[in-house]
């Protein structure tokens, strides 16, 4: 996974990616390269898998539960229609997502959010 970190702790959709606490991830190298050329001068930072941006840890650095990690693995194998259906079940508005990667990011963020321990 390629990791993109915003200069602020922004949560929402921007540049076609879902940012959670300022961090977005994509496995699309051409999208990553395009955004890097456009956003690096605006204070965004970029990590490739070889830099350590492997996408294994969510923002905040706490690993997901084993159950959540398994669900996230399943996401990578799903097509757009399956993702849209699962997103709707989770109560997410996926209609505006430009592609399957954006829907995956929304669902992953929701799964991670729901799996956080309550304080």
Protein backbone atom coordinates (compact mmCIF):
# COMPACT_ATOMS: atom_id res chain seq x y z
CA UNK A 1 0.00 0.00 0.00
CA UNK A 2 1.07 3.54 -0.71
CA UNK A 3 0.51 5.94 2.17
CA UNK A 4 -0.31 9.65 1.80
CA UNK A 5 -0.29 11.88 4.87
CA UNK A 6 -1.99 15.29 4.81
CA UNK A 7 -0.44 18.25 6.63
CA UNK A 8 -3.54 18.35 8.87
CA UNK A 9 -5.60 15.69 10.66
CA UNK A 10 -8.29 15.78 7.98
CA UNK A 11 -10.96 13.07 7.96
CA UNK A 12 -13.04 12.80 4.80
CA UNK A 13 -12.72 12.26 1.07
CA UNK A 14 -10.19 14.32 -0.83
CA UNK A 15 -8.47 13.82 -4.19
CA UNK A 16 -10.48 10.62 -4.64
CA UNK A 17 -9.13 9.03 -1.46
CA UNK A 18 -10.57 8.55 2.02
CA UNK A 19 -8.43 10.31 4.63
CA UNK A 20 -8.74 9.25 8.26
CA UNK A 21 -6.96 11.49 10.74
CA UNK A 22 -4.86 12.85 7.87
CA UNK A 23 -3.83 9.50 6.39
CA UNK A 24 -4.97 7.87 3.14
CA UNK A 25 -3.82 4.68 1.48
CA UNK A 26 -3.97 3.35 -2.06
CA UNK A 27 -2.57 0.36 -3.90
CA UNK A 28 -2.82 2.24 -7.22
CA UNK A 29 0.73 3.34 -8.10
CA UNK A 30 -0.27 5.66 -10.94
CA UNK A 31 -2.76 7.45 -8.66
CA UNK A 32 -0.07 7.69 -5.97
CA UNK A 33 2.44 9.15 -8.46
CA UNK A 34 -0.11 11.64 -9.80
CA UNK A 35 -1.03 12.85 -6.31
CA UNK A 36 2.60 13.02 -5.23
CA UNK A 37 3.41 15.34 -8.15
CA UNK A 38 0.41 17.51 -7.30
CA UNK A 39 0.47 17.58 -3.47
CA UNK A 40 4.05 17.23 -2.27
CA UNK A 41 4.60 21.01 -2.55
CA UNK A 42 1.49 21.54 -0.39
CA UNK A 43 2.98 19.72 2.60
CA UNK A 44 1.65 16.20 2.01
CA UNK A 45 4.09 13.37 2.69
CA UNK A 46 4.28 10.12 0.75
CA UNK A 47 5.50 6.63 1.66
CA UNK A 48 5.93 3.64 -0.59
CA UNK A 49 5.89 0.06 0.69
CA UNK A 50 9.71 0.08 0.60
CA UNK A 51 9.70 3.22 2.80
CA UNK A 52 7.63 1.45 5.43
CA UNK A 53 4.25 2.62 4.17
CA UNK A 54 2.92 -0.92 4.11
CA UNK A 55 -0.57 0.00 5.25
CA UNK A 56 -0.59 -2.62 8.00
CA UNK A 57 -1.26 -0.17 10.83
CA UNK A 58 -4.16 2.28 10.84
CA UNK A 59 -3.70 5.93 11.82
CA UNK A 60 -2.72 6.09 15.48
CA UNK A 61 -0.47 3.04 15.10
CA UNK A 62 -2.67 0.49 16.87
CA UNK A 63 -3.08 -2.77 15.00
CA UNK A 64 -6.65 -3.80 14.17
CA UNK A 65 -8.20 -6.79 15.89
CA UNK A 66 -7.71 -10.14 14.17
CA UNK A 67 -11.38 -10.11 13.10
CA UNK A 68 -11.11 -6.61 11.63
CA UNK A 69 -7.85 -7.51 9.85
CA UNK A 70 -9.57 -10.50 8.22
CA UNK A 71 -12.47 -8.32 7.06
CA UNK A 72 -10.03 -5.82 5.58
CA UNK A 73 -8.29 -8.65 3.68
CA UNK A 74 -11.66 -9.66 2.21
CA UNK A 75 -12.17 -6.10 0.96
CA UNK A 76 -9.21 -6.40 -1.39
CA UNK A 77 -10.86 -9.29 -3.25
CA UNK A 78 -14.26 -7.62 -3.72
CA UNK A 79 -15.55 -5.90 -6.82
CA UNK A 80 -17.36 -2.59 -6.90
CA UNK A 81 -20.89 -4.06 -6.67
CA UNK A 82 -20.00 -6.13 -3.59
CA UNK A 83 -18.27 -3.15 -2.01
CA UNK A 84 -21.26 -0.89 -2.68
CA UNK A 85 -23.59 -3.43 -1.06
CA UNK A 86 -21.39 -3.82 2.02
CA UNK A 87 -20.94 -0.06 2.30
CA UNK A 88 -24.72 0.39 2.23
CA UNK A 89 -25.10 -2.24 4.97
CA UNK A 90 -22.63 -0.25 7.08
CA UNK A 91 -24.62 2.94 6.48
CA UNK A 92 -21.97 4.57 4.30
CA UNK A 93 -22.73 6.88 1.38
CA UNK A 94 -20.63 5.22 -1.32
CA UNK A 95 -22.48 6.64 -4.33
CA UNK A 96 -20.04 9.56 -4.68
CA UNK A 97 -16.93 7.35 -4.46
CA UNK A 98 -15.17 7.53 -7.84
CA UNK A 99 -13.86 3.95 -7.86
CA UNK A 100 -13.63 0.67 -5.96
CA UNK A 101 -10.45 1.78 -4.15
CA UNK A 102 -12.29 4.77 -2.70
CA UNK A 103 -15.15 2.53 -1.53
CA UNK A 104 -12.61 0.13 0.02
CA UNK A 105 -11.03 3.05 1.87
CA UNK A 106 -14.41 4.18 3.23
CA UNK A 107 -15.29 0.68 4.42
CA UNK A 108 -11.86 0.09 5.92
CA UNK A 109 -12.04 3.39 7.82
CA UNK A 110 -15.48 2.43 9.15
CA UNK A 111 -14.29 -1.03 10.22
CA UNK A 112 -11.27 0.45 11.99
CA UNK A 113 -13.39 3.13 13.66
CA UNK A 114 -15.92 0.56 14.86
CA UNK A 115 -13.18 -1.70 16.21
CA UNK A 116 -11.53 0.99 18.37
CA UNK A 117 -11.86 0.24 22.08
CA UNK A 118 -14.31 2.53 23.79
CA UNK A 119 -12.72 4.77 26.45
